[in-house]
Protein backbone atom coordinates (compact mmCIF):
# COMPACT_ATOMS: atom_id res chain seq x y z
CA MET A 1 -19.36 39.51 33.01
CA VAL A 2 -21.63 42.51 32.50
CA SER A 3 -24.11 42.02 29.64
CA ARG A 4 -26.05 44.22 27.22
CA ASN A 5 -29.09 43.81 29.47
CA ASP A 6 -27.21 45.76 32.15
CA LEU A 7 -26.79 48.78 29.85
CA THR A 8 -29.04 51.65 28.80
CA ILE A 9 -28.31 54.27 26.16
CA LEU A 10 -28.97 57.68 27.67
CA GLU A 11 -28.14 59.91 24.76
CA GLU A 12 -26.90 60.03 21.18
CA TYR A 13 -25.11 63.21 20.17
CA ASN A 14 -22.59 64.65 17.72
CA PHE A 15 -19.31 66.09 18.92
CA TYR A 16 -17.01 67.67 16.35
CA GLY A 17 -18.69 65.65 13.62
CA GLU A 18 -18.43 62.31 15.46
CA LYS A 19 -21.48 60.33 16.54
CA ARG A 20 -21.20 59.59 20.25
CA TYR A 21 -23.32 57.82 22.83
CA ARG A 22 -23.70 58.10 26.59
CA VAL A 23 -24.33 54.62 28.00
CA CYS A 24 -25.07 53.86 31.64
CA VAL A 25 -24.91 50.70 33.69
CA LYS A 26 -28.35 50.03 35.18
CA GLY A 27 -28.58 50.36 38.95
CA THR A 28 -25.42 52.48 39.19
CA ASN A 29 -24.07 55.95 38.53
CA ILE A 30 -21.60 54.66 35.93
CA VAL A 31 -21.84 56.48 32.58
CA ILE A 32 -19.54 55.67 29.67
CA ASN A 33 -19.13 57.96 26.65
CA VAL A 34 -18.20 56.20 23.41
CA LYS A 35 -17.70 57.05 19.76
CA ALA A 36 -19.77 54.61 17.70
CA ASN A 37 -21.52 54.16 14.37
CA ASP A 38 -24.80 52.93 15.87
CA GLU A 39 -26.41 51.77 19.13
CA LYS A 40 -25.20 48.17 18.75
CA ASP A 41 -21.62 49.38 18.25
CA ALA A 42 -21.98 51.69 21.28
CA LEU A 43 -23.09 48.83 23.51
CA THR A 44 -20.27 46.59 22.27
CA LYS A 45 -17.64 49.28 22.93
CA THR A 46 -19.10 49.98 26.37
CA LEU A 47 -18.88 46.29 27.28
CA GLN A 48 -15.25 46.25 26.15
CA ILE A 49 -14.45 49.27 28.33
CA LEU A 50 -16.18 47.73 31.35
CA GLU A 51 -14.23 44.50 30.82
CA GLN A 52 -10.95 46.45 30.61
CA VAL A 53 -11.63 48.19 33.94
CA GLY A 54 -12.52 44.85 35.51
CA LEU A 55 -16.19 45.33 36.33
CA THR A 56 -17.38 41.81 37.14
CA GLU A 57 -20.92 40.59 37.84
CA GLU A 58 -19.98 40.24 41.52
CA ALA A 59 -18.59 43.76 41.73
CA LEU A 60 -21.63 45.12 39.88
CA SER A 61 -23.99 43.37 42.30
CA GLU A 62 -22.11 44.75 45.30
CA LEU A 63 -22.08 48.25 43.80
CA ARG A 64 -25.84 48.10 43.20
CA ASN A 65 -26.40 47.10 46.83
CA ILE A 66 -24.31 50.03 48.05
CA ILE A 67 -25.93 52.62 45.75
CA GLY A 68 -29.49 51.36 46.18
CA ASP A 69 -32.15 53.95 45.38
CA LYS A 70 -29.54 56.66 44.74
CA ALA A 71 -28.68 55.20 41.32
CA LEU A 72 -28.99 57.68 38.48
CA CYS A 73 -29.52 54.92 35.94
CA LYS A 74 -32.46 52.70 36.80
């Protein structure tokens, strides 16, 4: 399973009065936008989304090998 160590918060912003976060998966081009109260909540929600779409450690490792140096999130 993907962990918090695999995630980086790129940005915190407000959208129509809601606090939102852009969170990326390190070593990939995957960026998740979530509505959250704070950074901890944003990371938790991002992990839930990644679990729902089925991103496993094995798939993440393979994706990182394919993307290599072209990853937007390092």
